[in-house]
Amino acid sequence: MKYPRIRNLREDNDLTQQQIADMLYINRRTYAAYENGINSMTPETLCKIADIYHTSVDWLLGRTDEFDPYPEN
């Protein structure tokens, strides 16, 4: 599965793949494989990325166009 929104977010925030990989405690090549659709992300990784960018997993996956995360209960 490709994750084009994740690459766009990273570039829009002037972050490198290495910086995001460091935040996720993974190596850069693993993160690059996620961006390029070579590897699929675990739900845990998707949640961490959504938290980094303050958005929802649904937005990252293209299931909604609403960038703001769901309100916490």
Protein backbone atom coordinates (compact mmCIF):
# COMPACT_ATOMS: atom_id res chain seq x y z
CA MET A 1 0.00 0.00 0.00
CA LYS A 2 1.30 3.45 -0.88
CA TYR A 3 1.04 6.34 1.54
CA PRO A 4 1.31 9.54 -0.57
CA ARG A 5 -0.09 11.77 2.16
CA ILE A 6 2.67 10.72 4.53
CA ARG A 7 5.37 11.79 2.09
CA ASN A 8 3.56 15.06 1.37
CA LEU A 9 3.21 15.83 5.09
CA ARG A 10 6.87 15.16 5.72
CA GLU A 11 7.96 17.37 2.84
CA ASP A 12 5.48 20.14 3.76
CA ASN A 13 6.95 20.15 7.28
CA ASP A 14 10.54 20.27 5.98
CA LEU A 15 11.42 16.99 7.66
CA THR A 16 13.74 14.32 6.38
CA GLN A 17 13.02 10.63 6.27
CA GLN A 18 15.74 10.20 8.90
CA GLN A 19 14.05 12.65 11.27
CA ILE A 20 10.71 10.82 11.05
CA ALA A 21 12.43 7.45 11.33
CA ASP A 22 14.14 8.66 14.51
CA MET A 23 10.78 9.74 15.96
CA LEU A 24 9.40 6.28 15.18
CA TYR A 25 12.52 4.46 16.47
CA ILE A 26 13.01 2.69 13.13
CA ASN A 27 15.73 2.91 10.53
CA ARG A 28 15.48 5.29 7.59
CA ARG A 29 15.29 2.53 4.99
CA THR A 30 12.27 1.03 6.72
CA TYR A 31 10.55 4.40 6.73
CA ALA A 32 11.44 4.97 3.05
CA ALA A 33 9.92 1.58 2.25
CA TYR A 34 6.68 2.73 3.91
CA GLU A 35 6.56 5.92 1.87
CA ASN A 36 7.25 4.04 -1.35
CA GLY A 37 4.65 1.36 -0.69
CA ILE A 38 7.21 -1.45 -0.47
CA ASN A 39 6.24 -2.30 3.13
CA SER A 40 2.90 -1.87 4.84
CA MET A 41 2.79 -0.09 8.17
CA THR A 42 1.49 -1.62 11.34
CA PRO A 43 -1.52 0.03 12.95
CA GLU A 44 0.80 1.17 15.75
CA THR A 45 3.12 2.95 13.29
CA LEU A 46 0.18 4.62 11.55
CA CYS A 47 -1.08 5.87 14.91
CA LYS A 48 2.35 7.25 15.82
CA ILE A 49 2.59 9.12 12.50
CA ALA A 50 -0.93 10.51 12.96
CA ASP A 51 0.13 11.73 16.41
CA ILE A 52 3.30 13.35 15.05
CA TYR A 53 1.28 15.36 12.52
CA HIS A 54 -1.82 15.85 14.72
CA THR A 55 -4.15 14.22 12.23
CA SER A 56 -6.18 11.01 11.99
CA VAL A 57 -5.20 7.62 10.63
CA ASP A 58 -8.24 7.86 8.34
CA TRP A 59 -6.82 11.02 6.76
CA LEU A 60 -3.40 9.40 6.33
CA LEU A 61 -5.03 6.47 4.56
CA GLY A 62 -7.16 8.70 2.33
CA ARG A 63 -10.43 7.56 3.89
CA THR A 64 -11.43 11.15 4.67
CA ASP A 65 -10.45 14.61 3.53
CA GLU A 66 -10.87 16.02 7.07
CA PHE A 67 -7.32 16.67 8.31
CA ASP A 68 -8.22 17.41 11.94
CA PRO A 69 -8.16 14.39 14.23
CA TYR A 70 -11.27 13.09 15.89
CA PRO A 71 -12.07 14.81 19.18
CA GLU A 72 -11.00 12.92 22.28
CA ASN A 73 -13.76 11.73 24.60
